[in-house]
Protein backbone atom coordinates (compact mmCIF):
# COMPACT_ATOMS: atom_id res chain seq x y z
CA MET A 1 -22.17 -8.25 -4.40
CA LEU A 2 -24.42 -10.93 -2.83
CA TRP A 3 -26.81 -8.33 -1.75
CA SER A 4 -27.38 -7.14 -5.34
CA ALA A 5 -27.86 -10.44 -6.64
CA PHE A 6 -30.56 -11.05 -3.71
CA LEU A 7 -32.29 -7.81 -4.84
CA ALA A 8 -31.98 -8.88 -8.68
CA TRP A 9 -33.71 -11.80 -7.63
CA LEU A 10 -36.18 -10.34 -5.39
CA LEU A 11 -37.38 -7.85 -8.06
CA VAL A 12 -37.89 -10.30 -10.71
CA PHE A 13 -39.69 -12.76 -8.42
CA ALA A 14 -42.06 -9.74 -7.43
CA PHE A 15 -42.69 -8.88 -11.15
CA PHE A 16 -43.52 -12.56 -11.85
CA TYR A 17 -45.50 -12.86 -8.56
CA SER A 18 -48.70 -14.39 -10.26
CA THR A 19 -46.24 -17.38 -11.65
CA PRO A 20 -43.94 -18.27 -8.66
CA LEU A 21 -42.15 -20.78 -10.06
CA LYS A 22 -41.42 -18.84 -13.40
CA GLY A 23 -40.58 -15.87 -11.32
CA ALA A 24 -38.21 -17.72 -9.01
CA LEU A 25 -36.13 -19.38 -12.12
CA ILE A 26 -36.06 -16.09 -13.80
CA GLY A 27 -34.98 -14.39 -10.67
CA LEU A 28 -32.26 -17.08 -10.34
CA VAL A 29 -30.99 -16.23 -13.85
CA ALA A 30 -30.96 -12.52 -13.22
CA SER A 31 -29.28 -12.81 -9.86
CA ALA A 32 -26.51 -14.99 -11.39
CA LEU A 33 -26.05 -12.44 -14.02
CA CYS A 34 -26.02 -9.70 -11.44
CA ALA A 35 -23.20 -11.49 -9.56
CA PHE A 36 -20.74 -11.74 -12.56
CA ILE A 37 -21.41 -8.10 -13.69
CA TYR A 38 -21.33 -6.36 -10.24
CA PRO A 39 -17.49 -6.95 -9.72
CA VAL A 40 -16.58 -5.24 -12.96
CA PHE A 41 -18.90 -2.36 -12.35
CA HIS A 42 -17.72 -2.23 -8.91
CA GLU A 43 -13.95 -2.21 -9.78
CA ARG A 44 -14.44 0.54 -12.47
CA THR A 45 -16.30 2.74 -9.95
CA VAL A 46 -13.18 2.49 -7.27
CA GLU A 47 -10.88 3.26 -9.95
CA LYS A 48 -12.68 6.15 -11.24
CA ARG A 49 -13.12 7.23 -7.46
CA LEU A 50 -9.61 6.85 -6.76
CA ARG A 51 -8.50 8.71 -9.88
CA GLU A 52 -10.76 11.69 -9.01
CA LEU A 53 -9.40 11.66 -5.27
CA HIS A 54 -5.80 11.42 -6.71
CA ASN A 55 -6.45 14.53 -9.00
CA GLU A 56 -8.00 16.48 -6.18
CA ILE A 57 -5.31 15.85 -3.72
CA LEU A 58 -2.21 15.73 -6.16
CA GLY A 59 -3.34 17.63 -9.27
CA ASN A 60 -2.03 16.03 -12.45
CA GLU A 61 1.13 14.90 -11.18
CA THR A 62 2.05 11.62 -12.40
CA ALA A 63 5.43 11.55 -10.28
CA LEU A 64 5.74 12.16 -6.76
CA ARG A 65 9.16 13.49 -5.34
CA CYS A 66 10.12 11.46 -2.04
CA GLU A 67 13.32 12.13 -0.47
CA VAL A 68 15.35 9.71 1.97
CA GLU A 69 18.32 10.96 3.82
CA ILE A 70 20.28 8.86 6.43
CA ASN A 71 22.82 10.08 8.90
CA GLU A 72 24.21 8.92 12.11
CA ASN A 73 20.90 10.03 13.89
CA GLY A 74 18.57 7.98 11.71
CA LEU A 75 16.55 8.05 8.55
CA THR A 76 14.46 10.86 7.48
CA VAL A 77 11.84 10.54 4.75
CA GLY A 78 10.26 13.64 3.24
CA GLN A 79 7.33 13.82 0.69
CA MET A 80 4.49 16.52 -0.02
CA ASN A 81 5.45 18.73 2.73
CA HIS A 82 5.68 15.96 5.38
CA LYS A 83 8.72 14.71 7.11
CA SER A 84 9.10 11.47 8.98
CA GLN A 85 12.09 10.68 10.95
CA TYR A 86 13.31 7.15 12.47
CA GLU A 87 16.00 6.67 14.86
CA TRP A 88 18.36 3.86 14.05
CA MET A 89 17.13 2.05 17.16
CA SER A 90 13.80 1.75 15.63
CA VAL A 91 14.99 0.31 12.63
CA MET A 92 14.48 -3.71 12.50
CA GLU A 93 15.93 -4.64 9.27
CA ILE A 94 17.59 -3.28 5.98
CA SER A 95 16.55 -5.52 3.38
CA GLU A 96 17.76 -5.68 -0.27
CA THR A 97 15.40 -7.08 -2.98
CA GLY A 98 15.76 -7.44 -6.59
CA ASP A 99 13.96 -3.97 -7.38
CA SER A 100 14.38 -1.98 -3.87
CA VAL A 101 16.11 -1.47 -0.61
CA ASP A 102 13.24 -1.92 2.17
CA ILE A 103 13.83 -0.59 5.68
CA PHE A 104 11.53 -1.65 8.26
CA THR A 105 10.94 -0.17 11.85
CA LYS A 106 9.58 -1.82 14.91
CA GLY A 107 6.52 0.31 14.55
CA GLY A 108 5.86 -1.78 11.48
CA SER A 109 6.23 0.95 9.33
CA GLY A 110 9.46 2.25 7.34
CA VAL A 111 10.34 2.97 3.72
CA ILE A 112 10.86 1.13 0.43
CA ILE A 113 13.38 2.71 -1.72
CA ARG A 114 12.92 1.43 -5.57
CA ASN A 115 16.24 0.91 -7.62
CA ARG A 116 15.08 3.75 -9.87
CA ALA A 117 15.81 6.25 -6.95
CA PHE A 118 19.57 5.30 -7.36
CA GLU A 119 21.68 6.78 -10.31
CA SER A 120 23.43 3.58 -10.37
CA ASP A 121 24.10 0.09 -8.79
CA ALA A 122 27.44 1.55 -7.06
CA ASP A 123 25.23 4.24 -5.27
CA ARG A 124 22.74 1.70 -4.17
CA ALA A 125 25.43 -0.22 -2.50
CA THR A 126 26.73 2.77 -0.82
CA PHE A 127 23.79 3.72 0.39
CA VAL A 128 22.95 0.06 1.73
CA GLU A 129 26.38 0.01 3.29
CA LEU A 130 26.26 3.07 4.94
CA ALA A 131 22.86 2.43 6.33
CA SER A 132 23.96 -0.71 7.68
CA THR A 133 27.11 0.90 9.36
CA PHE A 134 24.84 3.63 10.98
CA LEU A 135 22.57 0.73 11.99
CA SER A 136 25.21 -1.51 13.57
CA ARG A 137 26.96 1.43 15.37
CA ALA A 138 23.43 2.49 16.91
CA ARG A 139 23.06 -1.15 18.17
CA SER A 140 26.23 -1.57 19.45
CA GLU A 141 25.98 1.89 21.28
CA GLN A 142 22.49 0.65 22.89
CA ALA A 143 24.56 -2.74 23.85
CA LEU A 144 27.25 -0.88 25.67
CA GLY A 145 24.85 1.51 27.37
CA ALA A 146 22.76 -1.25 28.57
CA HIS A 147 25.75 -2.97 30.12
CA SER A 148 27.20 -0.01 31.76
CA PRO A 149 26.44 0.38 35.59
């Protein structure tokens, strides 16, 4: 943004080179205008490019399917021909928010499962309870393993 404002000032100043004071003042007005307009055009350009990239990679799909599976071994997340698996020992925290269930791992990643992924509040509560049970079991097994000779 600052570069575009500076370039606008420089162009106007160069145009009015024979009258430097007039060129400097009109250049300041032009650079201020450029500084205010640039963010709008930049945002539109970025949005357009992101839409084009989305359409190129995903086509016209507006909803993406993401599957989350939990079992005694860990958490498996599958989306777009890609699967990620997290063992329970890598899970740091299972957190419930107003609109999601968040599972964070030691590596700084994890998964956020929106409430709309569950058919009911009971399903969501069952999922959280089961995940917490698996996590507690894995932590106790690790604690027992660490204290064994």
